[in-house]
Amino acid sequence: MQFLVYDPNQTGEPSEPPTPEFMATMGAFIAEATKAGVIVTTGSLMPQGTRLRLSGGNFTVTDGPFIEVKELTGGFAVIEVPSLEAAIEWSKRFREIVGEGETEIVRLFGPSDFGSA
């Protein structure tokens, strides 16, 4: 199962630079999660996007910003674990490193979730 994990309140703009100790702890956690095959990808969203719309057989492309993407999430991880419970446990470990706040965990669905075609 894959899950999108993110902080819904993170603006993408840190209030102060991370300390060397924080970077070392986070680096060790990411290395462990990568070695365990948990991390699929990590990243962040750019503050503006492009919208593609099909209406009446015609495509239109509009540059944003639309919603404030930076208010949606600053960074995210896609993890692959056997269950929601495992996603919660990995997310707890992450949250212990970054500190107080919220983490949202959303299951992702793909072709493998619907059987073979």
Protein backbone atom coordinates (compact mmCIF):
# COMPACT_ATOMS: atom_id res chain seq x y z
CA MET A 1 0.00 0.00 0.00
CA GLN A 2 1.20 3.48 -0.79
CA PHE A 3 0.41 6.53 1.31
CA LEU A 4 0.96 10.25 0.78
CA VAL A 5 2.27 11.72 4.02
CA TYR A 6 2.47 15.48 4.57
CA ASP A 7 2.10 18.32 7.04
CA PRO A 8 -1.08 20.20 6.04
CA ASN A 9 0.09 23.33 7.86
CA GLN A 10 3.64 23.54 6.57
CA THR A 11 4.18 26.60 4.39
CA GLY A 12 7.38 25.36 2.77
CA GLU A 13 9.24 28.26 4.36
CA PRO A 14 11.17 27.19 7.48
CA SER A 15 11.10 29.70 10.29
CA GLU A 16 14.82 29.19 10.89
CA PRO A 17 17.55 27.11 9.28
CA PRO A 18 17.77 23.50 10.52
CA THR A 19 20.55 22.70 12.95
CA PRO A 20 23.33 20.26 12.07
CA GLU A 21 21.92 17.90 14.72
CA PHE A 22 18.47 18.00 13.10
CA MET A 23 19.95 17.35 9.66
CA ALA A 24 21.96 14.38 11.00
CA THR A 25 18.91 12.88 12.74
CA MET A 26 16.68 13.39 9.70
CA GLY A 27 19.39 12.00 7.40
CA ALA A 28 19.65 8.85 9.52
CA PHE A 29 15.86 8.42 9.52
CA ILE A 30 15.62 8.86 5.75
CA ALA A 31 18.51 6.43 5.21
CA GLU A 32 16.79 3.84 7.42
CA ALA A 33 13.41 4.29 5.70
CA THR A 34 15.05 4.08 2.27
CA LYS A 35 16.97 0.93 3.19
CA ALA A 36 13.75 -0.61 4.52
CA GLY A 37 12.06 0.13 1.18
CA VAL A 38 9.51 2.46 2.79
CA ILE A 39 10.27 5.72 0.95
CA VAL A 40 9.06 5.81 -2.64
CA THR A 41 9.75 9.52 -3.17
CA THR A 42 9.87 12.82 -1.33
CA GLY A 43 9.47 16.35 -2.59
CA SER A 44 7.65 19.61 -2.31
CA LEU A 45 5.17 21.53 -4.41
CA MET A 46 6.03 24.67 -6.34
CA PRO A 47 3.90 27.64 -5.27
CA GLN A 48 2.19 27.90 -8.66
CA GLY A 49 0.79 25.43 -11.14
CA THR A 50 -0.80 25.07 -14.56
CA ARG A 51 -4.40 24.03 -15.09
CA LEU A 52 -5.47 21.91 -18.07
CA ARG A 53 -9.18 21.83 -18.91
CA LEU A 54 -11.11 19.90 -21.58
CA SER A 55 -14.51 21.41 -22.28
CA GLY A 56 -16.64 21.02 -25.40
CA GLY A 57 -13.82 19.12 -27.12
CA ASN A 58 -11.35 22.00 -26.65
CA PHE A 59 -8.35 22.18 -24.35
CA THR A 60 -7.37 25.31 -22.48
CA VAL A 61 -4.19 25.75 -20.48
CA THR A 62 -4.10 28.42 -17.78
CA ASP A 63 -1.13 29.39 -15.64
CA GLY A 64 -1.77 29.79 -11.92
CA PRO A 65 -1.63 30.51 -9.16
CA PHE A 66 -5.03 29.12 -8.32
CA ILE A 67 -5.27 27.98 -4.71
CA GLU A 68 -2.28 28.87 -2.63
CA VAL A 69 -0.37 25.63 -3.12
CA LYS A 70 2.10 26.72 -0.44
CA GLU A 71 -0.83 26.63 1.98
CA LEU A 72 -1.68 23.10 0.91
CA THR A 73 1.68 21.57 1.77
CA GLY A 74 5.33 22.49 1.77
CA GLY A 75 6.71 19.00 1.44
CA PHE A 76 5.54 15.43 1.16
CA ALA A 77 6.64 11.82 1.08
CA VAL A 78 5.13 8.84 -0.69
CA ILE A 79 5.75 5.73 1.37
CA GLU A 80 5.06 2.07 0.67
CA VAL A 81 4.13 -0.04 3.67
CA PRO A 82 1.87 -3.04 4.25
CA SER A 83 -0.87 -1.19 6.16
CA LEU A 84 -2.22 2.09 7.51
CA GLU A 85 -0.90 1.07 10.92
CA ALA A 86 2.64 0.83 9.51
CA ALA A 87 2.22 4.25 7.83
CA ILE A 88 1.16 5.69 11.19
CA GLU A 89 4.20 4.21 12.95
CA TRP A 90 6.66 5.60 10.36
CA SER A 91 4.88 8.96 10.49
CA LYS A 92 5.14 9.04 14.29
CA ARG A 93 8.90 8.57 14.01
CA PHE A 94 9.10 11.40 11.47
CA ARG A 95 6.95 13.70 13.62
CA GLU A 96 9.14 13.00 16.66
CA ILE A 97 12.10 14.35 14.67
CA VAL A 98 10.41 17.47 13.22
CA GLY A 99 8.46 18.31 16.37
CA GLU A 100 4.92 19.21 17.25
CA GLY A 101 2.35 19.63 14.51
CA GLU A 102 0.09 17.57 12.31
CA THR A 103 0.73 14.91 9.70
CA GLU A 104 -1.90 13.76 7.25
CA ILE A 105 -1.75 10.26 5.83
CA VAL A 106 -3.74 9.58 2.67
CA ARG A 107 -3.84 6.24 0.88
CA LEU A 108 -2.94 6.30 -2.79
CA PHE A 109 -4.61 3.94 -5.24
CA GLY A 110 -3.05 2.67 -8.44
CA PRO A 111 -3.59 -0.08 -11.01
CA SER A 112 -2.31 -2.79 -8.69
CA ASP A 113 -5.14 -2.00 -6.26
CA PHE A 114 -7.75 -3.01 -8.83
CA GLY A 115 -6.38 -6.39 -9.90
CA SER A 116 -4.93 -7.33 -13.24
CA ALA A 117 -6.49 -5.94 -16.40
